[in-house]
């Protein structure tokens, strides 16, 4: 007597792409034309900025490629333009298209670097304050309150004055990118800390955290391996908005003379360098970098608004 067994193959678990394809976020993104356009614009600007050595016709950091006799030439659509300079030149004779590409790269580096520093400080302090509570919570939140009383501009003035007084202006100009990342990062971390603390307070009394405590896991592992992954949604939303805020803060500081030097310009320092030439008729020196800054920040902010709506469970319609 023979017996036959019919074995049914186990269904393979869905891949990460399949889970993303079936998620509400992907469904919402496919229906939102504004989010698609903003993401496309942002990706194109990031690629163009970081590929500036390949796309820019000249290197604005190379003094041998700068012709002071070609200063303040208009863009190609205005009479008197030079075909070598598509968007014209600035007051120093640098190709405006080249310095906008290089300046956008500097602004993005500062924006992303400052947000990474903010997230590291804010998430760590927020986790500790929300999970440990007690005196640790009181000390960290009072520290955040003190930090919020100082604006980014005030922190920049204090740090810039101390560095220039001790190390000199040449040192500050050489390490201006790192200084701005440090200044903006230290000034804005409480935004993360307060949000993460509120999320941790809602998570730490749930069953999976109690089960981890019963298993004897250390508090550090529970915070970073179990609680933190369940608080990532607001962190993503804040990071998107904070990138735009960091870029705006850098532009404001550079416009006030507390940011990037003119030899290694950002979008803010480009706007500042051309501001004095608006009334003389060379409006493109400041308005073109200003328009690039507006488009960059607007695309990031609209992406942040879409991400906030998608990750808000009250608006979930899955």
C-alpha atoms as a PDB file:
ATOM      1  CA  UNK A   1       0.000   0.000   0.000  1.00  0.00           C
ATOM      2  CA  UNK A   2       1.601   3.193  -1.115  1.00  0.00           C
ATOM      3  CA  UNK A   3       0.838   6.573   0.243  1.00  0.00           C
ATOM      4  CA  UNK A   4       1.317   9.841  -1.546  1.00  0.00           C
ATOM      5  CA  UNK A   5       1.809  13.148   0.159  1.00  0.00           C
ATOM      6  CA  UNK A   6       1.078  16.449  -1.499  1.00  0.00           C
ATOM      7  CA  UNK A   7       3.459  19.118  -0.263  1.00  0.00           C
ATOM      8  CA  UNK A   8       2.518  22.707  -0.816  1.00  0.00           C
ATOM      9  CA  UNK A   9       5.467  25.069  -1.147  1.00  0.00           C
ATOM     10  CA  UNK A  10       5.553  27.780   1.478  1.00  0.00           C
ATOM     11  CA  UNK A  11       4.712  31.153   0.121  1.00  0.00           C
ATOM     12  CA  UNK A  12       7.676  33.412  -0.004  1.00  0.00           C
ATOM     13  CA  UNK A  13       7.555  36.443   2.229  1.00  0.00           C
ATOM     14  CA  UNK A  14       7.003  39.704   0.364  1.00  0.00           C
ATOM     15  CA  UNK A  15      10.120  41.613  -0.559  1.00  0.00           C
ATOM     16  CA  UNK A  16      10.866  45.118   0.647  1.00  0.00           C
ATOM     17  CA  UNK A  17       9.835  46.572  -2.720  1.00  0.00           C
ATOM     18  CA  UNK A  18       6.503  44.716  -2.590  1.00  0.00           C
ATOM     19  CA  UNK A  19       5.827  46.020   0.910  1.00  0.00           C
ATOM     20  CA  UNK A  20       6.636  49.551  -0.238  1.00  0.00           C
ATOM     21  CA  UNK A  21       4.491  49.139  -3.357  1.00  0.00           C
ATOM     22  CA  UNK A  22       1.489  48.060  -1.281  1.00  0.00           C
ATOM     23  CA  UNK A  23       1.977  50.694   1.424  1.00  0.00           C
ATOM     24  CA  UNK A  24      -0.170  53.756   1.913  1.00  0.00           C
ATOM     25  CA  UNK A  25       2.870  56.021   1.480  1.00  0.00           C
ATOM     26  CA  UNK A  26       3.475  54.734  -2.061  1.00  0.00           C
ATOM     27  CA  UNK A  27      -0.240  54.949  -2.839  1.00  0.00           C
ATOM     28  CA  UNK A  28      -0.327  58.554  -1.655  1.00  0.00           C
ATOM     29  CA  UNK A  29       2.862  59.458  -3.526  1.00  0.00           C
ATOM     30  CA  UNK A  30       1.482  58.120  -6.827  1.00  0.00           C
ATOM     31  CA  UNK A  31      -1.616  60.318  -6.449  1.00  0.00           C
ATOM     32  CA  UNK A  32       0.152  63.483  -5.299  1.00  0.00           C
ATOM     33  CA  UNK A  33       1.578  65.362  -8.291  1.00  0.00           C
ATOM     34  CA  UNK A  34       3.029  68.082  -6.088  1.00  0.00           C
ATOM     35  CA  UNK A  35       5.096  65.584  -4.097  1.00  0.00           C
ATOM     36  CA  UNK A  36       6.330  63.945  -7.298  1.00  0.00           C
ATOM     37  CA  UNK A  37       7.355  67.285  -8.801  1.00  0.00           C
ATOM     38  CA  UNK A  38       9.084  68.445  -5.602  1.00  0.00           C
ATOM     39  CA  UNK A  39      10.993  65.186  -5.255  1.00  0.00           C
ATOM     40  CA  UNK A  40      12.101  65.353  -8.898  1.00  0.00           C
ATOM     41  CA  UNK A  41      13.240  68.977  -8.504  1.00  0.00           C
ATOM     42  CA  UNK A  42      15.080  68.213  -5.274  1.00  0.00           C
ATOM     43  CA  UNK A  43      16.853  65.157  -6.713  1.00  0.00           C
ATOM     44  CA  UNK A  44      17.888  67.111  -9.827  1.00  0.00           C
ATOM     45  CA  UNK A  45      19.267  69.963  -7.722  1.00  0.00           C
ATOM     46  CA  UNK A  46      21.187  67.582  -5.455  1.00  0.00           C
ATOM     47  CA  UNK A  47      22.683  65.725  -8.429  1.00  0.00           C
ATOM     48  CA  UNK A  48      23.599  68.978 -10.197  1.00  0.00           C
ATOM     49  CA  UNK A  49      25.158  70.411  -7.034  1.00  0.00           C
ATOM     50  CA  UNK A  50      27.328  67.419  -6.183  1.00  0.00           C
ATOM     51  CA  UNK A  51      28.259  66.948  -9.855  1.00  0.00           C
ATOM     52  CA  UNK A  52      29.282  70.625 -10.108  1.00  0.00           C
ATOM     53  CA  UNK A  53      32.945  69.815 -10.974  1.00  0.00           C
ATOM     54  CA  UNK A  54      31.615  68.002 -14.056  1.00  0.00           C
ATOM     55  CA  UNK A  55      28.772  70.371 -14.996  1.00  0.00           C
ATOM     56  CA  UNK A  56      30.328  73.742 -14.245  1.00  0.00           C
ATOM     57  CA  UNK A  57      32.257  75.256 -17.186  1.00  0.00           C
ATOM     58  CA  UNK A  58      34.753  76.930 -14.818  1.00  0.00           C
ATOM     59  CA  UNK A  59      36.058  76.364 -11.317  1.00  0.00           C
ATOM     60  CA  UNK A  60      35.226  79.487  -9.278  1.00  0.00           C
ATOM     61  CA  UNK A  61      37.851  78.498  -6.696  1.00  0.00           C
ATOM     62  CA  UNK A  62      40.622  78.658  -9.314  1.00  0.00           C
ATOM     63  CA  UNK A  63      41.827  82.256  -9.586  1.00  0.00           C
ATOM     64  CA  UNK A  64      43.478  81.582 -12.952  1.00  0.00           C
ATOM     65  CA  UNK A  65      40.025  80.970 -14.511  1.00  0.00           C
ATOM     66  CA  UNK A  66      38.576  84.287 -13.313  1.00  0.00           C
ATOM     67  CA  UNK A  67      38.621  87.265 -15.684  1.00  0.00           C
ATOM     68  CA  UNK A  68      37.953  90.508 -13.808  1.00  0.00           C
ATOM     69  CA  UNK A  69      37.450  92.297 -17.153  1.00  0.00           C
ATOM     70  CA  UNK A  70      34.350  90.152 -17.740  1.00  0.00           C
ATOM     71  CA  UNK A  71      32.606  91.214 -14.538  1.00  0.00           C
ATOM     72  CA  UNK A  72      28.858  92.006 -14.374  1.00  0.00           C
ATOM     73  CA  UNK A  73      28.028  90.496 -17.760  1.00  0.00           C
ATOM     74  CA  UNK A  74      24.243  89.883 -18.131  1.00  0.00           C
ATOM     75  CA  UNK A  75      22.551  86.498 -18.732  1.00  0.00           C
ATOM     76  CA  UNK A  76      22.084  85.170 -22.263  1.00  0.00           C
ATOM     77  CA  UNK A  77      18.589  86.648 -22.771  1.00  0.00           C
ATOM     78  CA  UNK A  78      19.757  90.253 -22.224  1.00  0.00           C
ATOM     79  CA  UNK A  79      21.591  92.411 -24.743  1.00  0.00           C
ATOM     80  CA  UNK A  80      25.320  92.539 -24.145  1.00  0.00           C
ATOM     81  CA  UNK A  81      25.598  88.952 -22.950  1.00  0.00           C
ATOM     82  CA  UNK A  82      28.643  86.805 -23.598  1.00  0.00           C
ATOM     83  CA  UNK A  83      27.973  83.328 -24.992  1.00  0.00           C
ATOM     84  CA  UNK A  84      30.633  81.901 -22.681  1.00  0.00           C
ATOM     85  CA  UNK A  85      28.556  82.805 -19.597  1.00  0.00           C
ATOM     86  CA  UNK A  86      25.012  81.436 -19.744  1.00  0.00           C
ATOM     87  CA  UNK A  87      23.760  83.196 -16.612  1.00  0.00           C
ATOM     88  CA  UNK A  88      26.219  86.057 -16.761  1.00  0.00           C
ATOM     89  CA  UNK A  89      29.020  86.882 -14.326  1.00  0.00           C
ATOM     90  CA  UNK A  90      29.281  88.411 -10.879  1.00  0.00           C
ATOM     91  CA  UNK A  91      31.243  91.469  -9.763  1.00  0.00           C
ATOM     92  CA  UNK A  92      34.471  89.462  -9.653  1.00  0.00           C
ATOM     93  CA  UNK A  93      34.107  88.078 -13.169  1.00  0.00           C
ATOM     94  CA  UNK A  94      33.153  84.551 -12.085  1.00  0.00           C
ATOM     95  CA  UNK A  95      30.712  82.530 -14.160  1.00  0.00           C
ATOM     96  CA  UNK A  96      27.391  82.729 -12.314  1.00  0.00           C
ATOM     97  CA  UNK A  97      26.214  79.280 -13.434  1.00  0.00           C
ATOM     98  CA  UNK A  98      29.390  77.736 -11.982  1.00  0.00           C
ATOM     99  CA  UNK A  99      29.282  79.516  -8.640  1.00  0.00           C
ATOM    100  CA  UNK A 100      25.557  78.751  -8.230  1.00  0.00           C
ATOM    101  CA  UNK A 101      26.299  75.040  -8.677  1.00  0.00           C
ATOM    102  CA  UNK A 102      29.208  75.139  -6.253  1.00  0.00           C
ATOM    103  CA  UNK A 103      27.267  77.361  -3.828  1.00  0.00           C
ATOM    104  CA  UNK A 104      24.278  74.994  -3.836  1.00  0.00           C
ATOM    105  CA  UNK A 105      26.614  72.118  -2.967  1.00  0.00           C
ATOM    106  CA  UNK A 106      27.988  74.074   0.005  1.00  0.00           C
ATOM    107  CA  UNK A 107      24.485  74.944   1.227  1.00  0.00           C
ATOM    108  CA  UNK A 108      23.355  71.313   0.951  1.00  0.00           C
ATOM    109  CA  UNK A 109      26.453  70.066   2.777  1.00  0.00           C
ATOM    110  CA  UNK A 110      25.806  72.463   5.631  1.00  0.00           C
ATOM    111  CA  UNK A 111      22.091  71.637   5.681  1.00  0.00           C
ATOM    112  CA  UNK A 112      22.547  67.867   5.771  1.00  0.00           C
ATOM    113  CA  UNK A 113      25.500  68.046   8.177  1.00  0.00           C
ATOM    114  CA  UNK A 114      23.652  70.292  10.622  1.00  0.00           C
ATOM    115  CA  UNK A 115      20.568  68.043  10.570  1.00  0.00           C
ATOM    116  CA  UNK A 116      22.688  64.941  11.230  1.00  0.00           C
ATOM    117  CA  UNK A 117      24.238  66.668  14.248  1.00  0.00           C
ATOM    118  CA  UNK A 118      20.831  67.864  15.455  1.00  0.00           C
ATOM    119  CA  UNK A 119      19.390  64.369  15.127  1.00  0.00           C
ATOM    120  CA  UNK A 120      22.284  62.706  16.968  1.00  0.00           C
ATOM    121  CA  UNK A 121      22.032  65.092  19.910  1.00  0.00           C
ATOM    122  CA  UNK A 122      18.257  65.479  19.973  1.00  0.00           C
ATOM    123  CA  UNK A 123      17.349  61.808  19.551  1.00  0.00           C
ATOM    124  CA  UNK A 124      19.851  60.702  22.204  1.00  0.00           C
ATOM    125  CA  UNK A 125      18.724  63.300  24.742  1.00  0.00           C
ATOM    126  CA  UNK A 126      15.041  62.740  23.924  1.00  0.00           C
ATOM    127  CA  UNK A 127      15.351  58.979  24.403  1.00  0.00           C
ATOM    128  CA  UNK A 128      17.139  59.388  27.719  1.00  0.00           C
ATOM    129  CA  UNK A 129      14.694  62.008  28.997  1.00  0.00           C
ATOM    130  CA  UNK A 130      11.572  60.093  28.003  1.00  0.00           C
ATOM    131  CA  UNK A 131      12.677  56.605  29.041  1.00  0.00           C
ATOM    132  CA  UNK A 132      14.685  57.282  32.200  1.00  0.00           C
ATOM    133  CA  UNK A 133      12.523  60.144  33.469  1.00  0.00           C
ATOM    134  CA  UNK A 134      13.069  61.664  36.876  1.00  0.00           C
ATOM    135  CA  UNK A 135      16.112  63.841  37.405  1.00  0.00           C
ATOM    136  CA  UNK A 136      17.581  62.983  33.986  1.00  0.00           C
ATOM    137  CA  UNK A 137      14.389  64.190  32.296  1.00  0.00           C
ATOM    138  CA  UNK A 138      14.351  67.412  34.317  1.00  0.00           C
ATOM    139  CA  UNK A 139      18.009  68.240  33.615  1.00  0.00           C
ATOM    140  CA  UNK A 140      17.832  67.516  29.861  1.00  0.00           C
ATOM    141  CA  UNK A 141      14.562  69.376  29.327  1.00  0.00           C
ATOM    142  CA  UNK A 142      15.794  72.405  31.296  1.00  0.00           C
ATOM    143  CA  UNK A 143      18.905  72.311  29.126  1.00  0.00           C
ATOM    144  CA  UNK A 144      16.648  72.281  26.058  1.00  0.00           C
ATOM    145  CA  UNK A 145      14.688  75.244  27.448  1.00  0.00           C
ATOM    146  CA  UNK A 146      17.908  77.189  27.950  1.00  0.00           C
ATOM    147  CA  UNK A 147      19.051  76.317  24.426  1.00  0.00           C
ATOM    148  CA  UNK A 148      15.729  77.439  22.921  1.00  0.00           C
ATOM    149  CA  UNK A 149      16.186  80.855  24.541  1.00  0.00           C
ATOM    150  CA  UNK A 150      19.230  81.423  22.299  1.00  0.00           C
ATOM    151  CA  UNK A 151      18.567  81.948  18.612  1.00  0.00           C
ATOM    152  CA  UNK A 152      20.771  80.529  15.880  1.00  0.00           C
ATOM    153  CA  UNK A 153      22.011  84.047  15.127  1.00  0.00           C
ATOM    154  CA  UNK A 154      23.021  84.624  18.753  1.00  0.00           C
ATOM    155  CA  UNK A 155      24.898  81.304  18.901  1.00  0.00           C
ATOM    156  CA  UNK A 156      26.638  82.183  15.615  1.00  0.00           C
ATOM    157  CA  UNK A 157      27.726  85.583  16.936  1.00  0.00           C
ATOM    158  CA  UNK A 158      29.110  84.119  20.162  1.00  0.00           C
ATOM    159  CA  UNK A 159      30.887  81.146  18.553  1.00  0.00           C
ATOM    160  CA  UNK A 160      32.167  83.228  15.632  1.00  0.00           C
ATOM    161  CA  UNK A 161      33.507  85.929  17.934  1.00  0.00           C
ATOM    162  CA  UNK A 162      35.250  83.394  20.186  1.00  0.00           C
ATOM    163  CA  UNK A 163      36.805  81.474  17.282  1.00  0.00           C
ATOM    164  CA  UNK A 164      37.954  84.595  15.467  1.00  0.00           C
ATOM    165  CA  UNK A 165      39.389  86.050  18.688  1.00  0.00           C
ATOM    166  CA  UNK A 166      41.323  82.896  19.595  1.00  0.00           C
ATOM    167  CA  UNK A 167      42.149  81.346  16.204  1.00  0.00           C
ATOM    168  CA  UNK A 168      41.917  84.302  13.836  1.00  0.00           C
ATOM    169  CA  UNK A 169      39.679  85.110  10.869  1.00  0.00           C
ATOM    170  CA  UNK A 170      41.745  82.990   8.474  1.00  0.00           C
ATOM    171  CA  UNK A 171      41.114  79.893  10.585  1.00  0.00           C
ATOM    172  CA  UNK A 172      37.365  80.611  10.683  1.00  0.00           C
ATOM    173  CA  UNK A 173      37.239  81.076   6.909  1.00  0.00           C
ATOM    174  CA  UNK A 174      39.141  77.848   6.320  1.00  0.00           C
ATOM    175  CA  UNK A 175      36.796  75.804   8.493  1.00  0.00           C
ATOM    176  CA  UNK A 176      33.630  77.813   7.861  1.00  0.00           C
ATOM    177  CA  UNK A 177      31.618  74.758   6.716  1.00  0.00           C
ATOM    178  CA  UNK A 178      32.385  72.816   9.895  1.00  0.00           C
ATOM    179  CA  UNK A 179      31.740  75.897  12.031  1.00  0.00           C
ATOM    180  CA  UNK A 180      28.317  76.490  10.484  1.00  0.00           C
ATOM    181  CA  UNK A 181      27.373  72.810  10.869  1.00  0.00           C
ATOM    182  CA  UNK A 182      28.384  73.005  14.523  1.00  0.00           C
ATOM    183  CA  UNK A 183      26.569  76.290  15.134  1.00  0.00           C
ATOM    184  CA  UNK A 184      23.284  75.331  13.456  1.00  0.00           C
ATOM    185  CA  UNK A 185      23.381  71.807  14.882  1.00  0.00           C
ATOM    186  CA  UNK A 186      23.888  72.981  18.457  1.00  0.00           C
ATOM    187  CA  UNK A 187      21.220  75.656  18.101  1.00  0.00           C
ATOM    188  CA  UNK A 188      18.405  73.423  16.801  1.00  0.00           C
ATOM    189  CA  UNK A 189      18.715  70.033  18.577  1.00  0.00           C
ATOM    190  CA  UNK A 190      15.875  70.714  21.112  1.00  0.00           C
ATOM    191  CA  UNK A 191      13.330  70.307  18.281  1.00  0.00           C
ATOM    192  CA  UNK A 192      14.278  66.635  18.045  1.00  0.00           C
ATOM    193  CA  UNK A 193      14.622  66.128  21.792  1.00  0.00           C
ATOM    194  CA  UNK A 194      11.134  67.352  22.623  1.00  0.00           C
ATOM    195  CA  UNK A 195       9.454  65.374  19.853  1.00  0.00           C
ATOM    196  CA  UNK A 196      11.323  62.137  20.632  1.00  0.00           C
ATOM    197  CA  UNK A 197      10.645  62.526  24.353  1.00  0.00           C
ATOM    198  CA  UNK A 198       6.895  62.813  23.723  1.00  0.00           C
ATOM    199  CA  UNK A 199       6.946  59.695  21.527  1.00  0.00           C
ATOM    200  CA  UNK A 200       8.988  57.731  24.063  1.00  0.00           C
ATOM    201  CA  UNK A 201       6.587  58.626  26.861  1.00  0.00           C
ATOM    202  CA  UNK A 202       3.790  57.081  24.778  1.00  0.00           C
ATOM    203  CA  UNK A 203       5.827  53.945  23.991  1.00  0.00           C
ATOM    204  CA  UNK A 204       7.654  53.029  27.192  1.00  0.00           C
ATOM    205  CA  UNK A 205       4.574  51.697  29.022  1.00  0.00           C
ATOM    206  CA  UNK A 206       3.507  49.324  26.228  1.00  0.00           C
ATOM    207  CA  UNK A 207       3.626  45.546  26.487  1.00  0.00           C
ATOM    208  CA  UNK A 208       6.702  44.963  24.334  1.00  0.00           C
ATOM    209  CA  UNK A 209       8.773  47.275  26.554  1.00  0.00           C
ATOM    210  CA  UNK A 210       7.540  45.482  29.697  1.00  0.00           C
ATOM    211  CA  UNK A 211       8.425  42.157  28.073  1.00  0.00           C
ATOM    212  CA  UNK A 212      11.933  43.400  27.291  1.00  0.00           C
ATOM    213  CA  UNK A 213      12.402  44.479  30.908  1.00  0.00           C
ATOM    214  CA  UNK A 214      11.200  41.083  32.166  1.00  0.00           C
ATOM    215  CA  UNK A 215      13.727  39.389  29.877  1.00  0.00           C
ATOM    216  CA  UNK A 216      16.462  41.323  31.637  1.00  0.00           C
ATOM    217  CA  UNK A 217      17.531  43.536  28.755  1.00  0.00           C
ATOM    218  CA  UNK A 218      19.510  46.641  29.633  1.00  0.00           C
ATOM    219  CA  UNK A 219      17.902  50.053  29.378  1.00  0.00           C
ATOM    220  CA  UNK A 220      20.330  51.128  26.641  1.00  0.00           C
ATOM    221  CA  UNK A 221      19.332  48.193  24.434  1.00  0.00           C
ATOM    222  CA  UNK A 222      15.629  48.704  25.084  1.00  0.00           C
ATOM    223  CA  UNK A 223      15.883  52.390  24.167  1.00  0.00           C
ATOM    224  CA  UNK A 224      17.858  52.023  20.951  1.00  0.00           C
ATOM    225  CA  UNK A 225      16.757  48.565  19.731  1.00  0.00           C
ATOM    226  CA  UNK A 226      13.073  48.555  20.659  1.00  0.00           C
ATOM    227  CA  UNK A 227      11.734  52.021  21.506  1.00  0.00           C
ATOM    228  CA  UNK A 228      13.648  54.105  18.942  1.00  0.00           C
ATOM    229  CA  UNK A 229      12.384  52.219  15.816  1.00  0.00           C
ATOM    230  CA  UNK A 230       8.802  52.991  16.880  1.00  0.00           C
ATOM    231  CA  UNK A 231       9.521  56.721  17.068  1.00  0.00           C
ATOM    232  CA  UNK A 232      11.120  57.101  13.623  1.00  0.00           C
ATOM    233  CA  UNK A 233       8.088  58.559  11.833  1.00  0.00           C
ATOM    234  CA  UNK A 234       8.183  61.991  13.520  1.00  0.00           C
ATOM    235  CA  UNK A 235      11.983  61.996  13.226  1.00  0.00           C
ATOM    236  CA  UNK A 236      11.752  61.654   9.437  1.00  0.00           C
ATOM    237  CA  UNK A 237       9.226  64.480   9.236  1.00  0.00           C
ATOM    238  CA  UNK A 238      11.304  66.785  11.450  1.00  0.00           C
ATOM    239  CA  UNK A 239      14.471  66.015   9.488  1.00  0.00           C
ATOM    240  CA  UNK A 240      12.830  67.021   6.214  1.00  0.00           C
ATOM    241  CA  UNK A 241      11.709  70.355   7.621  1.00  0.00           C
ATOM    242  CA  UNK A 242      14.973  70.954   9.482  1.00  0.00           C
ATOM    243  CA  UNK A 243      17.051  70.550   6.309  1.00  0.00           C
ATOM    244  CA  UNK A 244      15.190  73.502   4.824  1.00  0.00           C
ATOM    245  CA  UNK A 245      15.534  75.461   8.078  1.00  0.00           C
ATOM    246  CA  UNK A 246      19.273  74.750   8.233  1.00  0.00           C
ATOM    247  CA  UNK A 247      19.766  75.950   4.646  1.00  0.00           C
ATOM    248  CA  UNK A 248      17.816  79.128   5.426  1.00  0.00           C
ATOM    249  CA  UNK A 249      19.819  79.663   8.632  1.00  0.00           C
ATOM    250  CA  UNK A 250      23.076  79.274   6.710  1.00  0.00           C
ATOM    251  CA  UNK A 251      21.895  81.724   4.059  1.00  0.00           C
ATOM    252  CA  UNK A 252      20.887  84.263   6.719  1.00  0.00           C
ATOM    253  CA  UNK A 253      24.209  83.944   8.552  1.00  0.00           C
ATOM    254  CA  UNK A 254      26.182  84.224   5.319  1.00  0.00           C
ATOM    255  CA  UNK A 255      24.132  87.258   4.282  1.00  0.00           C
ATOM    256  CA  UNK A 256      25.037  88.919   7.590  1.00  0.00           C
ATOM    257  CA  UNK A 257      28.726  88.124   7.110  1.00  0.00           C
ATOM    258  CA  UNK A 258      28.839  85.335   9.725  1.00  0.00           C
ATOM    259  CA  UNK A 259      28.899  82.426   7.290  1.00  0.00           C
ATOM    260  CA  UNK A 260      30.815  81.342   4.228  1.00  0.00           C
ATOM    261  CA  UNK A 261      33.535  83.619   2.804  1.00  0.00           C
ATOM    262  CA  UNK A 262      33.243  84.964  -0.736  1.00  0.00           C
ATOM    263  CA  UNK A 263      36.149  82.791  -1.871  1.00  0.00           C
ATOM    264  CA  UNK A 264      34.083  79.634  -1.150  1.00  0.00           C
ATOM    265  CA  UNK A 265      30.545  80.940  -1.555  1.00  0.00           C
ATOM    266  CA  UNK A 266      27.224  79.418  -0.582  1.00  0.00           C
ATOM    267  CA  UNK A 267      23.842  80.586  -1.845  1.00  0.00           C
ATOM    268  CA  UNK A 268      23.588  82.991   1.090  1.00  0.00           C
ATOM    269  CA  UNK A 269      26.977  84.580   0.504  1.00  0.00           C
ATOM    270  CA  UNK A 270      26.210  84.852  -3.233  1.00  0.00           C
ATOM    271  CA  UNK A 271      23.023  86.764  -2.444  1.00  0.00           C
ATOM    272  CA  UNK A 272      24.974  89.016  -0.098  1.00  0.00           C
ATOM    273  CA  UNK A 273      27.782  89.684  -2.602  1.00  0.00           C
ATOM    274  CA  UNK A 274      25.322  90.765  -5.294  1.00  0.00           C
ATOM    275  CA  UNK A 275      22.968  92.750  -3.065  1.00  0.00           C
ATOM    276  CA  UNK A 276      24.940  95.980  -3.493  1.00  0.00           C
ATOM    277  CA  UNK A 277      24.685  95.738  -7.302  1.00  0.00           C
ATOM    278  CA  UNK A 278      20.897  95.607  -7.641  1.00  0.00           C
ATOM    279  CA  UNK A 279      20.454  99.346  -8.024  1.00  0.00           C
ATOM    280  CA  UNK A 280      23.326  99.532 -10.525  1.00  0.00           C
ATOM    281  CA  UNK A 281      21.390  97.222 -12.858  1.00  0.00           C
ATOM    282  CA  UNK A 282      23.260  93.957 -12.222  1.00  0.00           C
ATOM    283  CA  UNK A 283      20.251  92.364 -10.542  1.00  0.00           C
ATOM    284  CA  UNK A 284      21.072  88.832 -11.740  1.00  0.00           C
ATOM    285  CA  UNK A 285      24.036  88.554  -9.349  1.00  0.00           C
ATOM    286  CA  UNK A 286      21.706  88.304  -6.359  1.00  0.00           C
ATOM    287  CA  UNK A 287      18.317  87.353  -7.829  1.00  0.00           C
ATOM    288  CA  UNK A 288      19.433  84.175  -9.609  1.00  0.00           C
ATOM    289  CA  UNK A 289      21.026  82.624  -6.465  1.00  0.00           C
ATOM    290  CA  UNK A 290      17.978  83.847  -4.536  1.00  0.00           C
ATOM    291  CA  UNK A 291      15.625  82.086  -6.943  1.00  0.00           C
ATOM    292  CA  UNK A 292      17.649  78.865  -6.658  1.00  0.00           C
ATOM    293  CA  UNK A 293      17.468  79.107  -2.863  1.00  0.00           C
ATOM    294  CA  UNK A 294      13.690  79.652  -2.945  1.00  0.00           C
ATOM    295  CA  UNK A 295      13.100  76.680  -5.264  1.00  0.00           C
ATOM    296  CA  UNK A 296      15.338  74.418  -3.151  1.00  0.00           C
ATOM    297  CA  UNK A 297      13.726  75.337   0.171  1.00  0.00           C
ATOM    298  CA  UNK A 298      10.197  75.301  -1.254  1.00  0.00           C
ATOM    299  CA  UNK A 299      10.610  71.800  -2.696  1.00  0.00           C
ATOM    300  CA  UNK A 300      11.938  70.499   0.632  1.00  0.00           C
ATOM    301  CA  UNK A 301       9.143  72.146   2.622  1.00  0.00           C
ATOM    302  CA  UNK A 302       6.417  70.773   0.340  1.00  0.00           C
ATOM    303  CA  UNK A 303       7.952  67.306   0.598  1.00  0.00           C
ATOM    304  CA  UNK A 304       7.962  67.701   4.375  1.00  0.00           C
ATOM    305  CA  UNK A 305       4.280  68.691   4.368  1.00  0.00           C
ATOM    306  CA  UNK A 306       3.395  65.629   2.299  1.00  0.00           C
ATOM    307  CA  UNK A 307       5.463  63.344   4.518  1.00  0.00           C
ATOM    308  CA  UNK A 308       3.837  64.776   7.645  1.00  0.00           C
ATOM    309  CA  UNK A 309       0.355  64.131   6.277  1.00  0.00           C
ATOM    310  CA  UNK A 310       1.209  60.585   5.187  1.00  0.00           C
ATOM    311  CA  UNK A 311       2.798  59.633   8.505  1.00  0.00           C
ATOM    312  CA  UNK A 312       0.024  61.171  10.588  1.00  0.00           C
ATOM    313  CA  UNK A 313      -2.149  58.235  11.746  1.00  0.00           C
ATOM    314  CA  UNK A 314      -5.156  60.521  12.145  1.00  0.00           C
ATOM    315  CA  UNK A 315      -5.080  61.176   8.403  1.00  0.00           C
ATOM    316  CA  UNK A 316      -4.461  57.558   7.421  1.00  0.00           C
ATOM    317  CA  UNK A 317      -7.134  56.318   5.012  1.00  0.00           C
ATOM    318  CA  UNK A 318      -5.649  52.925   4.130  1.00  0.00           C
END
